[in-house]
């Protein structure tokens, strides 16, 4: 019985760590914006995120249009900067620093 409890506890710990690593992060989105989008966009991350309210960013993400919206705001952006693995981070960054959030990023 003790062995089964240890295995179950190990499984729970591994799943919780895996879920944490897989989640998106606004700080990572900010770094990605600075590295991959800032030059192509021609404006700071604060201006980028303030293009929409949090609700508007939520709708863009829910509709799966994040890459399209970035392309419309920053036409010079290269497709390799819009990989699907980056989009969730860009969304979290834009949502956290949207025009109605009251937050201002440092990039």
Protein backbone atom coordinates (compact mmCIF):
# COMPACT_ATOMS: atom_id res chain seq x y z
CA UNK A 1 0.00 0.00 0.00
CA UNK A 2 2.83 2.37 0.84
CA UNK A 3 4.42 1.77 -2.58
CA UNK A 4 1.16 2.64 -4.40
CA UNK A 5 0.84 5.88 -2.42
CA UNK A 6 4.40 6.89 -3.36
CA UNK A 7 3.75 6.19 -7.03
CA UNK A 8 0.51 8.17 -6.96
CA UNK A 9 2.17 11.09 -5.20
CA UNK A 10 5.03 11.05 -7.70
CA UNK A 11 2.57 11.10 -10.58
CA UNK A 12 0.72 14.09 -9.09
CA UNK A 13 3.97 16.02 -8.61
CA UNK A 14 5.14 15.28 -12.17
CA UNK A 15 1.81 16.34 -13.67
CA UNK A 16 1.72 19.58 -11.70
CA UNK A 17 5.27 20.47 -12.73
CA UNK A 18 4.52 19.65 -16.34
CA UNK A 19 1.45 21.87 -16.35
CA UNK A 20 3.42 24.77 -14.89
CA UNK A 21 6.16 24.55 -17.48
CA UNK A 22 3.67 24.33 -20.35
CA UNK A 23 1.72 27.43 -19.33
CA UNK A 24 2.28 30.78 -21.01
CA UNK A 25 3.95 33.69 -19.30
CA UNK A 26 3.59 37.46 -19.76
CA UNK A 27 7.23 38.05 -18.79
CA UNK A 28 8.35 35.58 -21.45
CA UNK A 29 6.00 37.28 -23.91
CA UNK A 30 7.61 40.61 -23.10
CA UNK A 31 11.08 39.19 -23.75
CA UNK A 32 9.90 37.59 -26.99
CA UNK A 33 8.32 40.87 -28.09
CA UNK A 34 11.57 42.75 -27.44
CA UNK A 35 13.62 40.13 -29.25
CA UNK A 36 11.39 39.15 -32.17
CA UNK A 37 8.80 41.88 -32.82
CA UNK A 38 9.97 45.26 -31.52
CA UNK A 39 12.23 46.14 -34.46
CA UNK A 40 9.70 44.99 -37.06
CA UNK A 41 6.83 46.80 -35.33
CA UNK A 42 8.72 50.03 -34.83
CA UNK A 43 7.17 50.79 -31.45
CA UNK A 44 7.52 49.73 -27.84
CA UNK A 45 5.75 46.83 -26.22
CA UNK A 46 3.62 49.31 -24.27
CA UNK A 47 2.23 50.77 -27.50
CA UNK A 48 1.75 47.30 -28.97
CA UNK A 49 -0.23 45.98 -26.00
CA UNK A 50 -2.25 49.21 -25.71
CA UNK A 51 -3.64 48.78 -29.22
CA UNK A 52 -6.53 46.82 -27.68
CA UNK A 53 -8.33 46.37 -24.37
CA UNK A 54 -8.07 43.15 -22.40
CA UNK A 55 -11.47 42.06 -23.71
CA UNK A 56 -10.43 42.68 -27.30
CA UNK A 57 -7.20 40.69 -26.81
CA UNK A 58 -9.27 37.86 -25.27
CA UNK A 59 -11.56 37.79 -28.32
CA UNK A 60 -8.60 37.83 -30.72
CA UNK A 61 -7.04 34.89 -28.88
CA UNK A 62 -10.32 32.97 -28.63
CA UNK A 63 -10.89 33.39 -32.37
CA UNK A 64 -7.37 32.12 -33.09
CA UNK A 65 -6.43 35.38 -34.79
CA UNK A 66 -3.38 36.36 -32.72
CA UNK A 67 -0.89 35.88 -35.57
CA UNK A 68 -3.15 37.78 -37.98
CA UNK A 69 -3.52 40.67 -35.54
CA UNK A 70 0.23 40.91 -34.99
CA UNK A 71 0.71 40.91 -38.77
CA UNK A 72 -1.84 43.72 -39.16
CA UNK A 73 -0.18 45.82 -36.43
CA UNK A 74 3.35 45.01 -37.59
CA UNK A 75 3.36 44.25 -41.33
CA UNK A 76 7.16 43.88 -41.46
CA UNK A 77 7.14 40.96 -39.00
CA UNK A 78 8.61 37.74 -40.35
CA UNK A 79 6.60 34.52 -40.15
CA UNK A 80 9.30 32.79 -38.09
CA UNK A 81 8.58 35.28 -35.27
CA UNK A 82 4.94 34.10 -35.26
CA UNK A 83 5.50 30.44 -34.47
CA UNK A 84 2.60 28.87 -32.61
CA UNK A 85 4.80 28.24 -29.57
CA UNK A 86 5.26 32.03 -29.20
CA UNK A 87 1.65 33.13 -29.73
CA UNK A 88 0.37 32.22 -26.26
CA UNK A 89 3.20 34.19 -24.68
CA UNK A 90 2.51 37.19 -26.95
CA UNK A 91 -1.15 36.97 -25.95
CA UNK A 92 -0.39 36.88 -22.22
CA UNK A 93 1.93 39.86 -22.62
CA UNK A 94 -0.60 41.88 -24.64
CA UNK A 95 -3.47 40.96 -22.30
CA UNK A 96 -1.56 41.84 -19.12
CA UNK A 97 -0.48 45.22 -20.52
CA UNK A 98 -3.61 46.11 -22.53
CA UNK A 99 -4.88 49.68 -22.69
CA UNK A 100 -7.36 49.13 -19.84
CA UNK A 101 -5.05 47.10 -17.56
CA UNK A 102 -3.22 49.95 -15.85
CA UNK A 103 0.08 48.07 -16.26
CA UNK A 104 3.05 49.39 -18.24
CA UNK A 105 5.75 47.02 -19.54
CA UNK A 106 9.41 47.95 -19.43
CA UNK A 107 10.16 47.26 -23.10
